Amino acid sequence: MSVAAVQSFYGRWARLYDLLATAPGVTAWRRRAVDALDLKPGDTVVEMGCGTGANLPYLREAVGPEGTVVGLDLAPGVLARARGRIVDRGWRNVHVALADATRPPVDGPVDAVLGTFVVGMFAAPAAAVADWLDRCTGRVALLNFQRSDAPLAAPLNLAFQAFVWAASPGRGIPAESPAAALERRVAAARETLTARTADRRFEIFAGGYLGLLSGRVADR
């Protein structure tokens, strides 16, 4: 999908996306993703694809006022809401920037990297995650939707496919379904993270529809 398509889609739906991203059940998922990073006060953490900033409160809480939180996103519409959160809370150590998470303007090394619901959008997710690992000395965590293997999940899996289609920028008649593309890209990102990390953890929750993989960079 093109940069213009992503920016247009998330700009148009920024308000609704923010409501969904901060819904009570969703915030619990986000906190679990931040917990997987094992952050300490004073750490520097980068969120790739920060969206409207729904994870920023939990990241900032984890690193404390002496740490640094950086959020990157490609869509100006959602970043405006993230900046509003920062201003409203008076955070001086939380920063967001308009940037491509597949080519982050981060010199590193940083202590941790977080990507929630983002690697499934990348044309080359394995390369993107490899780049993140190169810039990190601690843990990297990926939170993503997936189809469930739970018993009796078949009807809900159809709903999952419809949800992915509706949430995909630049919809048309693709060579493969959006759900299949999402799963293929997420799998590639997870394989890279698994190959390059130690102390890995994989959690499945939300009835099997969410997978959280994290690991500590092993080749530094």
N, C-alpha and C. Protein backbone atom coordinates (compact mmCIF):
# COMPACT_ATOMS: atom_id res chain seq x y z
N MET A 1 0.84 -1.19 0.00
CA MET A 1 0.00 0.00 0.00
C MET A 1 0.88 1.24 0.00
N SER A 2 0.42 2.29 -0.63
CA SER A 2 1.24 3.49 -0.77
C SER A 2 1.21 4.33 0.49
N VAL A 3 2.22 5.19 0.62
CA VAL A 3 2.28 6.11 1.75
C VAL A 3 1.06 7.02 1.74
N ALA A 4 0.69 7.49 0.57
CA ALA A 4 -0.46 8.39 0.46
C ALA A 4 -1.74 7.70 0.92
N ALA A 5 -1.91 6.42 0.57
CA ALA A 5 -3.10 5.68 0.98
C ALA A 5 -3.16 5.54 2.49
N VAL A 6 -2.03 5.22 3.11
CA VAL A 6 -1.98 5.09 4.57
C VAL A 6 -2.30 6.42 5.24
N GLN A 7 -1.68 7.49 4.78
CA GLN A 7 -1.90 8.79 5.38
C GLN A 7 -3.35 9.24 5.24
N SER A 8 -3.93 9.02 4.06
CA SER A 8 -5.31 9.42 3.82
C SER A 8 -6.27 8.61 4.69
N PHE A 9 -6.06 7.30 4.76
CA PHE A 9 -6.95 6.42 5.51
C PHE A 9 -6.95 6.78 6.99
N TYR A 10 -5.76 6.85 7.59
CA TYR A 10 -5.70 7.11 9.03
C TYR A 10 -5.99 8.57 9.37
N GLY A 11 -5.79 9.47 8.44
CA GLY A 11 -6.20 10.85 8.66
C GLY A 11 -7.71 10.96 8.70
N ARG A 12 -8.37 10.25 7.80
CA ARG A 12 -9.83 10.31 7.71
C ARG A 12 -10.50 9.66 8.92
N TRP A 13 -9.89 8.58 9.42
CA TRP A 13 -10.51 7.81 10.50
C TRP A 13 -9.78 7.99 11.83
N ALA A 14 -9.01 9.04 12.00
CA ALA A 14 -8.19 9.21 13.20
C ALA A 14 -9.02 9.22 14.48
N ARG A 15 -10.15 9.92 14.45
CA ARG A 15 -10.97 10.02 15.67
C ARG A 15 -11.54 8.66 16.06
N LEU A 16 -12.12 7.94 15.09
CA LEU A 16 -12.67 6.62 15.38
C LEU A 16 -11.57 5.65 15.81
N TYR A 17 -10.44 5.70 15.12
CA TYR A 17 -9.32 4.83 15.47
C TYR A 17 -8.88 5.07 16.91
N ASP A 18 -8.86 6.34 17.31
CA ASP A 18 -8.45 6.67 18.67
C ASP A 18 -9.43 6.11 19.69
N LEU A 19 -10.72 6.19 19.39
CA LEU A 19 -11.73 5.64 20.30
C LEU A 19 -11.55 4.14 20.47
N LEU A 20 -11.30 3.44 19.37
CA LEU A 20 -11.08 2.00 19.43
C LEU A 20 -9.77 1.67 20.15
N ALA A 21 -8.74 2.46 19.87
CA ALA A 21 -7.41 2.19 20.44
C ALA A 21 -7.36 2.38 21.94
N THR A 22 -8.29 3.16 22.49
CA THR A 22 -8.27 3.45 23.92
C THR A 22 -9.48 2.86 24.64
N ALA A 23 -10.20 1.94 23.99
CA ALA A 23 -11.32 1.27 24.64
C ALA A 23 -10.81 0.46 25.83
N PRO A 24 -11.64 0.27 26.87
CA PRO A 24 -11.16 -0.37 28.11
C PRO A 24 -10.46 -1.70 27.89
N GLY A 25 -11.03 -2.62 27.12
CA GLY A 25 -10.38 -3.91 26.91
C GLY A 25 -9.07 -3.79 26.15
N VAL A 26 -9.03 -2.86 25.21
CA VAL A 26 -7.84 -2.68 24.38
C VAL A 26 -6.68 -2.13 25.19
N THR A 27 -6.98 -1.26 26.13
CA THR A 27 -5.90 -0.68 26.95
C THR A 27 -5.20 -1.77 27.77
N ALA A 28 -5.93 -2.79 28.17
CA ALA A 28 -5.30 -3.89 28.91
C ALA A 28 -4.30 -4.63 28.02
N TRP A 29 -4.64 -4.79 26.73
CA TRP A 29 -3.70 -5.43 25.80
C TRP A 29 -2.44 -4.59 25.66
N ARG A 30 -2.63 -3.30 25.57
CA ARG A 30 -1.49 -2.40 25.38
C ARG A 30 -0.57 -2.41 26.59
N ARG A 31 -1.14 -2.47 27.76
CA ARG A 31 -0.31 -2.52 28.96
C ARG A 31 0.51 -3.82 28.99
N ARG A 32 -0.09 -4.91 28.55
CA ARG A 32 0.65 -6.18 28.50
C ARG A 32 1.81 -6.10 27.52
N ALA A 33 1.61 -5.40 26.41
CA ALA A 33 2.69 -5.24 25.43
C ALA A 33 3.84 -4.44 26.02
N VAL A 34 3.52 -3.38 26.74
CA VAL A 34 4.56 -2.57 27.38
C VAL A 34 5.27 -3.37 28.46
N ASP A 35 4.52 -4.14 29.24
CA ASP A 35 5.13 -4.97 30.29
C ASP A 35 6.14 -5.96 29.70
N ALA A 36 5.88 -6.43 28.47
CA ALA A 36 6.77 -7.41 27.84
C ALA A 36 8.15 -6.83 27.54
N LEU A 37 8.30 -5.51 27.57
CA LEU A 37 9.58 -4.87 27.28
C LEU A 37 10.51 -4.83 28.50
N ASP A 38 9.98 -5.10 29.69
CA ASP A 38 10.79 -5.07 30.92
C ASP A 38 11.53 -3.74 31.07
N LEU A 39 10.83 -2.66 30.84
CA LEU A 39 11.45 -1.33 30.93
C LEU A 39 11.77 -0.96 32.37
N LYS A 40 12.82 -0.15 32.51
CA LYS A 40 13.22 0.36 33.80
C LYS A 40 13.23 1.89 33.77
N PRO A 41 13.09 2.54 34.94
CA PRO A 41 13.18 4.00 34.96
C PRO A 41 14.50 4.47 34.34
N GLY A 42 14.40 5.45 33.48
CA GLY A 42 15.58 5.99 32.81
C GLY A 42 15.84 5.41 31.44
N ASP A 43 15.11 4.36 31.06
CA ASP A 43 15.30 3.74 29.75
C ASP A 43 14.80 4.65 28.62
N THR A 44 15.29 4.35 27.42
CA THR A 44 14.81 4.99 26.20
C THR A 44 14.10 3.94 25.36
N VAL A 45 12.84 4.22 25.00
CA VAL A 45 12.05 3.28 24.23
C VAL A 45 11.47 3.98 23.01
N VAL A 46 11.45 3.27 21.89
CA VAL A 46 10.89 3.81 20.66
C VAL A 46 9.69 2.96 20.27
N GLU A 47 8.57 3.62 19.98
CA GLU A 47 7.41 2.92 19.46
C GLU A 47 7.31 3.18 17.96
N MET A 48 7.34 2.10 17.19
CA MET A 48 7.25 2.18 15.75
C MET A 48 5.78 2.08 15.33
N GLY A 49 5.27 3.15 14.73
CA GLY A 49 3.85 3.18 14.38
C GLY A 49 3.01 3.49 15.60
N CYS A 50 3.24 4.65 16.21
CA CYS A 50 2.60 4.97 17.49
C CYS A 50 1.14 5.39 17.36
N GLY A 51 0.69 5.67 16.13
CA GLY A 51 -0.70 6.04 15.93
C GLY A 51 -1.09 7.27 16.74
N THR A 52 -2.23 7.18 17.41
CA THR A 52 -2.74 8.32 18.18
C THR A 52 -2.11 8.43 19.56
N GLY A 53 -1.16 7.58 19.85
CA GLY A 53 -0.46 7.66 21.13
C GLY A 53 -1.11 6.87 22.25
N ALA A 54 -1.88 5.84 21.91
CA ALA A 54 -2.57 5.06 22.93
C ALA A 54 -1.61 4.34 23.87
N ASN A 55 -0.42 4.00 23.38
CA ASN A 55 0.56 3.31 24.24
C ASN A 55 1.44 4.26 25.04
N LEU A 56 1.45 5.51 24.68
CA LEU A 56 2.38 6.46 25.30
C LEU A 56 2.24 6.54 26.82
N PRO A 57 1.02 6.57 27.38
CA PRO A 57 0.92 6.65 28.85
C PRO A 57 1.61 5.49 29.56
N TYR A 58 1.51 4.29 29.00
CA TYR A 58 2.08 3.11 29.66
C TYR A 58 3.60 3.08 29.47
N LEU A 59 4.07 3.52 28.31
CA LEU A 59 5.51 3.60 28.09
C LEU A 59 6.14 4.64 29.01
N ARG A 60 5.48 5.78 29.13
CA ARG A 60 6.01 6.84 29.97
C ARG A 60 6.00 6.43 31.44
N GLU A 61 4.96 5.76 31.85
CA GLU A 61 4.88 5.25 33.22
C GLU A 61 6.03 4.29 33.51
N ALA A 62 6.37 3.46 32.53
CA ALA A 62 7.41 2.45 32.73
C ALA A 62 8.81 3.05 32.82
N VAL A 63 9.10 4.08 32.02
CA VAL A 63 10.46 4.66 32.03
C VAL A 63 10.59 5.81 33.01
N GLY A 64 9.45 6.32 33.51
CA GLY A 64 9.49 7.40 34.47
C GLY A 64 9.87 8.73 33.85
N PRO A 65 9.87 9.78 34.65
CA PRO A 65 10.19 11.12 34.14
C PRO A 65 11.64 11.27 33.71
N GLU A 66 12.51 10.34 34.17
CA GLU A 66 13.92 10.42 33.79
C GLU A 66 14.23 9.65 32.51
N GLY A 67 13.28 8.88 32.00
CA GLY A 67 13.47 8.14 30.76
C GLY A 67 13.02 8.94 29.56
N THR A 68 13.04 8.29 28.39
CA THR A 68 12.65 8.96 27.14
C THR A 68 11.76 8.02 26.33
N VAL A 69 10.66 8.58 25.83
CA VAL A 69 9.75 7.84 24.96
C VAL A 69 9.68 8.55 23.62
N VAL A 70 9.88 7.81 22.54
CA VAL A 70 9.80 8.37 21.19
C VAL A 70 8.78 7.56 20.40
N GLY A 71 7.84 8.25 19.77
CA GLY A 71 6.86 7.59 18.93
C GLY A 71 6.98 8.06 17.49
N LEU A 72 6.98 7.12 16.55
CA LEU A 72 7.09 7.45 15.14
C LEU A 72 5.84 6.96 14.41
N ASP A 73 5.36 7.77 13.48
CA ASP A 73 4.23 7.34 12.66
C ASP A 73 4.26 8.09 11.33
N LEU A 74 3.65 7.45 10.34
CA LEU A 74 3.66 7.97 8.97
C LEU A 74 2.48 8.88 8.67
N ALA A 75 1.47 8.87 9.54
CA ALA A 75 0.22 9.58 9.26
C ALA A 75 0.07 10.83 10.12
N PRO A 76 0.07 12.01 9.51
CA PRO A 76 -0.05 13.25 10.28
C PRO A 76 -1.34 13.32 11.11
N GLY A 77 -2.44 12.76 10.58
CA GLY A 77 -3.71 12.85 11.29
C GLY A 77 -3.70 12.20 12.65
N VAL A 78 -3.11 11.00 12.75
CA VAL A 78 -3.06 10.34 14.05
C VAL A 78 -1.98 10.96 14.94
N LEU A 79 -0.90 11.43 14.35
CA LEU A 79 0.16 12.06 15.14
C LEU A 79 -0.34 13.32 15.85
N ALA A 80 -1.27 14.03 15.21
CA ALA A 80 -1.82 15.23 15.84
C ALA A 80 -2.49 14.88 17.16
N ARG A 81 -3.18 13.75 17.19
CA ARG A 81 -3.81 13.32 18.43
C ARG A 81 -2.77 12.87 19.45
N ALA A 82 -1.72 12.22 19.00
CA ALA A 82 -0.65 11.83 19.91
C ALA A 82 0.00 13.07 20.54
N ARG A 83 0.24 14.08 19.73
CA ARG A 83 0.83 15.31 20.26
C ARG A 83 -0.11 15.97 21.27
N GLY A 84 -1.40 15.91 21.00
CA GLY A 84 -2.37 16.46 21.95
C GLY A 84 -2.30 15.78 23.30
N ARG A 85 -2.11 14.46 23.30
CA ARG A 85 -1.97 13.73 24.56
C ARG A 85 -0.74 14.20 25.33
N ILE A 86 0.33 14.38 24.61
CA ILE A 86 1.58 14.82 25.25
C ILE A 86 1.41 16.20 25.88
N VAL A 87 0.81 17.11 25.14
CA VAL A 87 0.61 18.47 25.64
C VAL A 87 -0.34 18.48 26.83
N ASP A 88 -1.44 17.74 26.73
CA ASP A 88 -2.42 17.71 27.81
C ASP A 88 -1.83 17.21 29.12
N ARG A 89 -0.90 16.27 29.03
CA ARG A 89 -0.31 15.69 30.24
C ARG A 89 0.98 16.39 30.67
N GLY A 90 1.46 17.30 29.85
CA GLY A 90 2.66 18.04 30.21
C GLY A 90 3.92 17.21 30.25
N TRP A 91 3.96 16.16 29.42
CA TRP A 91 5.15 15.30 29.40
C TRP A 91 6.28 15.99 28.65
N ARG A 92 7.42 16.12 29.28
CA ARG A 92 8.58 16.74 28.64
C ARG A 92 9.55 15.71 28.06
N ASN A 93 9.35 14.45 28.40
CA ASN A 93 10.27 13.41 27.94
C ASN A 93 9.59 12.44 26.96
N VAL A 94 8.46 12.84 26.40
CA VAL A 94 7.75 12.03 25.41
C VAL A 94 7.69 12.84 24.11
N HIS A 95 8.13 12.24 23.03
CA HIS A 95 8.23 12.95 21.76
C HIS A 95 7.68 12.08 20.63
N VAL A 96 7.02 12.71 19.67
CA VAL A 96 6.57 11.97 18.49
C VAL A 96 7.06 12.70 17.24
N ALA A 97 7.21 11.93 16.17
CA ALA A 97 7.73 12.52 14.93
C ALA A 97 7.09 11.83 13.73
N LEU A 98 6.92 12.59 12.66
CA LEU A 98 6.42 12.04 11.40
C LEU A 98 7.57 11.31 10.72
N ALA A 99 7.47 9.98 10.64
CA ALA A 99 8.57 9.19 10.09
C ALA A 99 8.05 7.82 9.70
N ASP A 100 8.78 7.18 8.80
CA ASP A 100 8.47 5.84 8.32
C ASP A 100 9.14 4.83 9.26
N ALA A 101 8.33 3.97 9.89
CA ALA A 101 8.87 3.00 10.83
C ALA A 101 9.76 1.96 10.17
N THR A 102 9.68 1.83 8.84
CA THR A 102 10.58 0.90 8.16
C THR A 102 11.94 1.53 7.90
N ARG A 103 12.02 2.85 8.05
CA ARG A 103 13.30 3.57 7.94
C ARG A 103 13.37 4.61 9.06
N PRO A 104 13.40 4.17 10.30
CA PRO A 104 13.29 5.10 11.42
C PRO A 104 14.52 5.99 11.56
N PRO A 105 14.31 7.27 11.80
CA PRO A 105 15.44 8.19 12.00
C PRO A 105 15.97 8.10 13.44
N VAL A 106 16.41 6.91 13.82
CA VAL A 106 16.87 6.64 15.18
C VAL A 106 18.29 6.11 15.10
N ASP A 107 19.23 6.84 15.67
CA ASP A 107 20.62 6.41 15.61
C ASP A 107 20.88 5.23 16.53
N GLY A 108 20.22 5.23 17.68
CA GLY A 108 20.42 4.15 18.64
C GLY A 108 21.79 4.24 19.31
N PRO A 109 22.10 3.26 20.16
CA PRO A 109 21.16 2.19 20.51
C PRO A 109 20.12 2.66 21.51
N VAL A 110 18.95 2.04 21.46
CA VAL A 110 17.89 2.32 22.42
C VAL A 110 17.66 1.08 23.26
N ASP A 111 16.96 1.25 24.36
CA ASP A 111 16.78 0.13 25.30
C ASP A 111 15.67 -0.83 24.89
N ALA A 112 14.67 -0.33 24.14
CA ALA A 112 13.56 -1.21 23.78
C ALA A 112 12.82 -0.62 22.58
N VAL A 113 12.15 -1.50 21.85
CA VAL A 113 11.34 -1.10 20.69
C VAL A 113 10.00 -1.83 20.77
N LEU A 114 8.93 -1.08 20.51
CA LEU A 114 7.59 -1.64 20.53
C LEU A 114 6.91 -1.42 19.19
N GLY A 115 6.22 -2.44 18.70
CA GLY A 115 5.41 -2.31 17.49
C GLY A 115 4.07 -2.99 17.73
N THR A 116 2.99 -2.23 17.79
CA THR A 116 1.67 -2.82 18.01
C THR A 116 0.81 -2.62 16.76
N PHE A 117 0.32 -3.71 16.22
CA PHE A 117 -0.59 -3.69 15.07
C PHE A 117 0.01 -2.96 13.87
N VAL A 118 1.31 -3.08 13.65
CA VAL A 118 1.94 -2.30 12.58
C VAL A 118 2.69 -3.16 11.57
N VAL A 119 3.35 -4.25 11.98
CA VAL A 119 4.19 -5.00 11.03
C VAL A 119 3.38 -5.63 9.91
N GLY A 120 2.10 -5.87 10.15
CA GLY A 120 1.26 -6.43 9.11
C GLY A 120 0.97 -5.50 7.97
N MET A 121 1.39 -4.23 8.10
CA MET A 121 1.19 -3.24 7.04
C MET A 121 2.41 -3.10 6.15
N PHE A 122 3.54 -3.69 6.56
CA PHE A 122 4.79 -3.47 5.83
C PHE A 122 4.92 -4.40 4.64
N ALA A 123 5.46 -3.88 3.55
CA ALA A 123 5.75 -4.73 2.39
C ALA A 123 6.88 -5.70 2.69
N ALA A 124 7.83 -5.27 3.52
CA ALA A 124 8.99 -6.11 3.87
C ALA A 124 9.15 -6.12 5.39
N PRO A 125 8.26 -6.81 6.10
CA PRO A 125 8.29 -6.77 7.57
C PRO A 125 9.55 -7.38 8.18
N ALA A 126 10.10 -8.41 7.57
CA ALA A 126 11.31 -9.04 8.12
C ALA A 126 12.46 -8.05 8.13
N ALA A 127 12.62 -7.31 7.05
CA ALA A 127 13.70 -6.32 6.97
C ALA A 127 13.49 -5.20 7.98
N ALA A 128 12.24 -4.79 8.16
CA ALA A 128 11.95 -3.71 9.12
C ALA A 128 12.30 -4.15 10.54
N VAL A 129 11.88 -5.35 10.92
CA VAL A 129 12.16 -5.82 12.27
C VAL A 129 13.66 -6.04 12.47
N ALA A 130 14.35 -6.53 11.45
CA ALA A 130 15.79 -6.69 11.55
C ALA A 130 16.47 -5.34 11.81
N ASP A 131 15.97 -4.30 11.16
CA ASP A 131 16.52 -2.96 11.36
C ASP A 131 16.26 -2.49 12.79
N TRP A 132 15.08 -2.76 13.31
CA TRP A 132 14.79 -2.38 14.70
C TRP A 132 15.74 -3.09 15.65
N LEU A 133 15.98 -4.36 15.41
CA LEU A 133 16.87 -5.12 16.28
C LEU A 133 18.29 -4.57 16.25
N ASP A 134 18.70 -4.08 15.08
CA ASP A 134 20.03 -3.49 14.95
C ASP A 134 20.18 -2.24 15.80
N ARG A 135 19.08 -1.58 16.10
CA ARG A 135 19.11 -0.30 16.83
C ARG A 135 18.81 -0.46 18.31
N CYS A 136 18.64 -1.69 18.77
CA CYS A 136 18.18 -1.95 20.13
C CYS A 136 19.16 -2.83 20.89
N THR A 137 19.29 -2.58 22.19
CA THR A 137 20.14 -3.41 23.04
C THR A 137 19.33 -4.25 24.02
N GLY A 138 18.01 -3.98 24.11
CA GLY A 138 17.17 -4.69 25.07
C GLY A 138 16.11 -5.52 24.38
N ARG A 139 14.86 -5.31 24.77
CA ARG A 139 13.77 -6.14 24.28
C ARG A 139 12.99 -5.44 23.16
N VAL A 140 12.49 -6.26 22.26
CA VAL A 140 11.59 -5.80 21.19
C VAL A 140 10.30 -6.61 21.32
N ALA A 141 9.16 -5.95 21.22
CA ALA A 141 7.87 -6.63 21.36
C ALA A 141 6.96 -6.29 20.19
N LEU A 142 6.24 -7.32 19.71
CA LEU A 142 5.30 -7.17 18.61
C LEU A 142 3.94 -7.69 19.05
N LEU A 143 2.94 -6.83 18.98
CA LEU A 143 1.56 -7.22 19.30
C LEU A 143 0.75 -7.16 18.02
N ASN A 144 0.08 -8.27 17.69
CA ASN A 144 -0.65 -8.33 16.42
C ASN A 144 -1.92 -9.17 16.53
N PHE A 145 -2.86 -8.83 15.65
CA PHE A 145 -4.04 -9.67 15.49
C PHE A 145 -3.66 -10.93 14.72
N GLN A 146 -4.46 -11.98 14.93
CA GLN A 146 -4.26 -13.23 14.21
C GLN A 146 -5.58 -14.00 14.26
N ARG A 147 -5.71 -14.97 13.35
CA ARG A 147 -6.87 -15.85 13.43
C ARG A 147 -6.71 -16.81 14.60
N SER A 148 -7.83 -17.16 15.20
CA SER A 148 -7.79 -18.01 16.38
C SER A 148 -7.90 -19.48 16.01
N ASP A 149 -7.15 -20.32 16.75
CA ASP A 149 -7.25 -21.77 16.62
C ASP A 149 -8.17 -22.37 17.67
N ALA A 150 -8.85 -21.49 18.42
CA ALA A 150 -9.71 -21.98 19.49
C ALA A 150 -10.89 -22.78 18.92
N PRO A 151 -11.39 -23.76 19.67
CA PRO A 151 -12.56 -24.52 19.20
C PRO A 151 -13.74 -23.58 18.94
N LEU A 152 -14.51 -23.90 17.93
CA LEU A 152 -15.71 -23.15 17.57
C LEU A 152 -15.40 -21.72 17.12
N ALA A 153 -14.14 -21.47 16.70
CA ALA A 153 -13.77 -20.11 16.31
C ALA A 153 -14.05 -19.81 14.84
N ALA A 154 -14.45 -20.81 14.05
CA ALA A 154 -14.61 -20.61 12.61
C ALA A 154 -15.51 -19.43 12.26
N PRO A 155 -16.70 -19.29 12.87
CA PRO A 155 -17.54 -18.13 12.53
C PRO A 155 -16.87 -16.80 12.86
N LEU A 156 -16.16 -16.76 14.00
CA LEU A 156 -15.48 -15.53 14.38
C LEU A 156 -14.29 -15.24 13.46
N ASN A 157 -13.67 -16.30 12.93
CA ASN A 157 -12.57 -16.08 11.99
C ASN A 157 -13.06 -15.39 10.73
N LEU A 158 -14.28 -15.68 10.31
CA LEU A 158 -14.85 -14.97 9.16
C LEU A 158 -15.03 -13.50 9.50
N ALA A 159 -15.48 -13.23 10.71
CA ALA A 159 -15.62 -11.84 11.15
C ALA A 159 -14.26 -11.16 11.23
N PHE A 160 -13.25 -11.92 11.66
CA PHE A 160 -11.90 -11.38 11.72
C PHE A 160 -11.42 -10.95 10.33
N GLN A 161 -11.67 -11.77 9.33
CA GLN A 161 -11.28 -11.44 7.97
C GLN A 161 -11.98 -10.18 7.48
N ALA A 162 -13.26 -10.05 7.83
CA ALA A 162 -14.01 -8.85 7.44
C ALA A 162 -13.45 -7.61 8.14
N PHE A 163 -13.06 -7.77 9.42
CA PHE A 163 -12.49 -6.65 10.16
C PHE A 163 -11.17 -6.20 9.54
N VAL A 164 -10.32 -7.15 9.19
CA VAL A 164 -9.03 -6.80 8.58
C VAL A 164 -9.25 -6.08 7.26
N TRP A 165 -10.20 -6.56 6.46
CA TRP A 165 -10.48 -5.91 5.19
C TRP A 165 -10.93 -4.47 5.41
N ALA A 166 -11.84 -4.25 6.36
CA ALA A 166 -12.36 -2.91 6.62
C ALA A 166 -11.29 -1.97 7.14
N ALA A 167 -10.30 -2.52 7.84
CA ALA A 167 -9.25 -1.69 8.45
C ALA A 167 -8.03 -1.54 7.57
N SER A 168 -8.10 -2.01 6.32
CA SER A 168 -6.94 -1.97 5.45
C SER A 168 -6.97 -0.75 4.54
N PRO A 169 -5.97 0.12 4.61
CA PRO A 169 -5.90 1.26 3.69
C PRO A 169 -5.75 0.78 2.25
N GLY A 170 -6.28 1.55 1.31
CA GLY A 170 -6.08 1.25 -0.10
C GLY A 170 -6.77 -0.01 -0.54
N ARG A 171 -7.98 -0.28 -0.01
CA ARG A 171 -8.69 -1.50 -0.37
C ARG A 171 -9.03 -1.51 -1.85
N GLY A 172 -9.05 -2.70 -2.42
CA GLY A 172 -9.42 -2.89 -3.81
C GLY A 172 -9.63 -4.36 -4.04
N ILE A 173 -9.12 -4.89 -5.13
CA ILE A 173 -9.19 -6.32 -5.39
C ILE A 173 -7.76 -6.85 -5.34
N PRO A 174 -7.29 -7.26 -4.17
CA PRO A 174 -5.88 -7.66 -4.03
C PRO A 174 -5.64 -9.06 -4.55
N ALA A 175 -4.35 -9.38 -4.75
CA ALA A 175 -3.97 -10.71 -5.20
C ALA A 175 -4.23 -11.76 -4.12
N GLU A 176 -4.21 -11.36 -2.88
CA GLU A 176 -4.55 -12.23 -1.77
C GLU A 176 -5.43 -11.46 -0.80
N SER A 177 -6.16 -12.15 0.03
CA SER A 177 -7.06 -11.47 0.95
C SER A 177 -6.25 -10.64 1.95
N PRO A 178 -6.82 -9.53 2.45
CA PRO A 178 -6.11 -8.74 3.45
C PRO A 178 -5.73 -9.57 4.68
N ALA A 179 -6.61 -10.50 5.08
CA ALA A 179 -6.30 -11.33 6.25
C ALA A 179 -5.09 -12.22 5.99
N ALA A 180 -5.04 -12.82 4.79
CA ALA A 180 -3.91 -13.67 4.44
C ALA A 180 -2.62 -12.86 4.36
N ALA A 181 -2.70 -11.66 3.79
CA ALA A 181 -1.52 -10.80 3.70
C ALA A 181 -1.04 -10.40 5.09
N LEU A 182 -1.99 -10.05 5.96
CA LEU A 182 -1.63 -9.69 7.33
C LEU A 182 -0.91 -10.84 8.01
N GLU A 183 -1.46 -12.04 7.92
CA GLU A 183 -0.86 -13.18 8.59
C GLU A 183 0.52 -13.52 8.03
N ARG A 184 0.68 -13.41 6.73
CA ARG A 184 1.98 -13.67 6.11
C ARG A 184 3.02 -12.67 6.60
N ARG A 185 2.65 -11.42 6.66
CA ARG A 185 3.61 -10.39 7.09
C ARG A 185 3.93 -10.50 8.58
N VAL A 186 2.92 -10.76 9.37
CA VAL A 186 3.16 -10.93 10.80
C VAL A 186 4.07 -12.14 11.04
N ALA A 187 3.84 -13.22 10.32
CA ALA A 187 4.69 -14.41 10.46
C ALA A 187 6.14 -14.11 10.12
N ALA A 188 6.36 -13.33 9.06
CA ALA A 188 7.72 -12.97 8.66
C ALA A 188 8.40 -12.13 9.74
N ALA A 189 7.66 -11.19 10.31
CA ALA A 189 8.21 -10.36 11.37
C ALA A 189 8.55 -11.19 12.60
N ARG A 190 7.66 -12.10 12.96
CA ARG A 190 7.90 -12.95 14.12
C ARG A 190 9.09 -13.88 13.91
N GLU A 191 9.26 -14.40 12.71
CA GLU A 191 10.39 -15.28 12.42
C GLU A 191 11.71 -14.54 12.61
N THR A 192 11.76 -13.31 12.16
CA THR A 192 12.98 -12.51 12.32
C THR A 192 13.27 -12.23 13.78
N LEU A 193 12.23 -11.84 14.51
CA LEU A 193 12.41 -11.57 15.94
C LEU A 193 12.88 -12.83 16.67
N THR A 194 12.29 -13.97 16.34
CA THR A 194 12.66 -15.23 16.98
C THR A 194 14.11 -15.60 16.69
N ALA A 195 14.55 -15.38 15.46
CA ALA A 195 15.91 -15.76 15.06
C ALA A 195 16.98 -14.91 15.72
N ARG A 196 16.63 -13.70 16.09
CA ARG A 196 17.64 -12.75 16.57
C ARG A 196 17.55 -12.45 18.06
N THR A 197 16.70 -13.14 18.80
CA THR A 197 16.52 -12.81 20.21
C THR A 197 16.63 -14.04 21.10
N ALA A 198 16.84 -13.76 22.38
CA ALA A 198 16.82 -14.78 23.43
C ALA A 198 15.75 -14.38 24.45
N ASP A 199 15.55 -15.23 25.44
CA ASP A 199 14.56 -14.94 26.49
C ASP A 199 13.23 -14.53 25.86
N ARG A 200 12.79 -15.35 24.91
CA ARG A 200 11.54 -15.01 24.19
C ARG A 200 10.31 -15.42 24.98
N ARG A 201 9.26 -14.64 24.78
CA ARG A 201 7.96 -14.96 25.39
C ARG A 201 6.89 -14.78 24.31
N PHE A 202 5.96 -15.69 24.29
CA PHE A 202 4.84 -15.57 23.37
C PHE A 202 3.55 -15.78 24.13
N GLU A 203 2.70 -14.77 24.13
CA GLU A 203 1.42 -14.83 24.81
C GLU A 203 0.30 -14.76 23.79
N ILE A 204 -0.73 -15.53 24.04
CA ILE A 204 -1.94 -15.47 23.22
C ILE A 204 -3.10 -15.12 24.14
N PHE A 205 -3.87 -14.13 23.75
CA PHE A 205 -5.01 -13.73 24.56
C PHE A 205 -6.13 -13.20 23.67
N ALA A 206 -7.16 -12.64 24.27
CA ALA A 206 -8.34 -12.18 23.54
C ALA A 206 -8.95 -13.31 22.72
N GLY A 207 -9.11 -14.48 23.36
CA GLY A 207 -9.71 -15.61 22.68
C GLY A 207 -8.86 -16.20 21.57
N GLY A 208 -7.56 -15.90 21.59
CA GLY A 208 -6.66 -16.40 20.56
C GLY A 208 -6.46 -15.45 19.41
N TYR A 209 -7.12 -14.29 19.44
CA TYR A 209 -7.04 -13.35 18.32
C TYR A 209 -5.91 -12.33 18.44
N LEU A 210 -5.17 -12.40 19.53
CA LEU A 210 -4.01 -11.53 19.70
C LEU A 210 -2.81 -12.37 20.08
N GLY A 211 -1.68 -12.05 19.46
CA GLY A 211 -0.42 -12.70 19.80
C GLY A 211 0.62 -11.65 20.14
N LEU A 212 1.30 -11.82 21.26
CA LEU A 212 2.33 -10.90 21.71
C LEU A 212 3.65 -11.65 21.82
N LEU A 213 4.57 -11.34 20.91
CA LEU A 213 5.89 -11.95 20.91
C LEU A 213 6.92 -10.92 21.32
N SER A 214 7.79 -11.29 22.24
CA SER A 214 8.87 -10.39 22.66
C SER A 214 10.13 -11.19 22.87
N GLY A 215 11.26 -10.50 22.76
CA GLY A 215 12.54 -11.15 22.98
C GLY A 215 13.63 -10.13 23.23
N ARG A 216 14.70 -10.58 23.83
CA ARG A 216 15.85 -9.71 24.09
C ARG A 216 16.89 -9.91 23.00
N VAL A 217 17.39 -8.80 22.46
CA VAL A 217 18.36 -8.87 21.38
C VAL A 217 19.56 -9.72 21.81
N ALA A 218 19.89 -10.71 20.99
CA ALA A 218 20.90 -11.69 21.38
C ALA A 218 22.25 -11.48 20.72
N ASP A 219 22.32 -10.67 19.66
CA ASP A 219 23.56 -10.56 18.90
C ASP A 219 24.24 -9.23 19.10
N ARG A 220 24.14 -8.69 20.31
CA ARG A 220 24.85 -7.46 20.63
C ARG A 220 25.87 -7.71 21.74
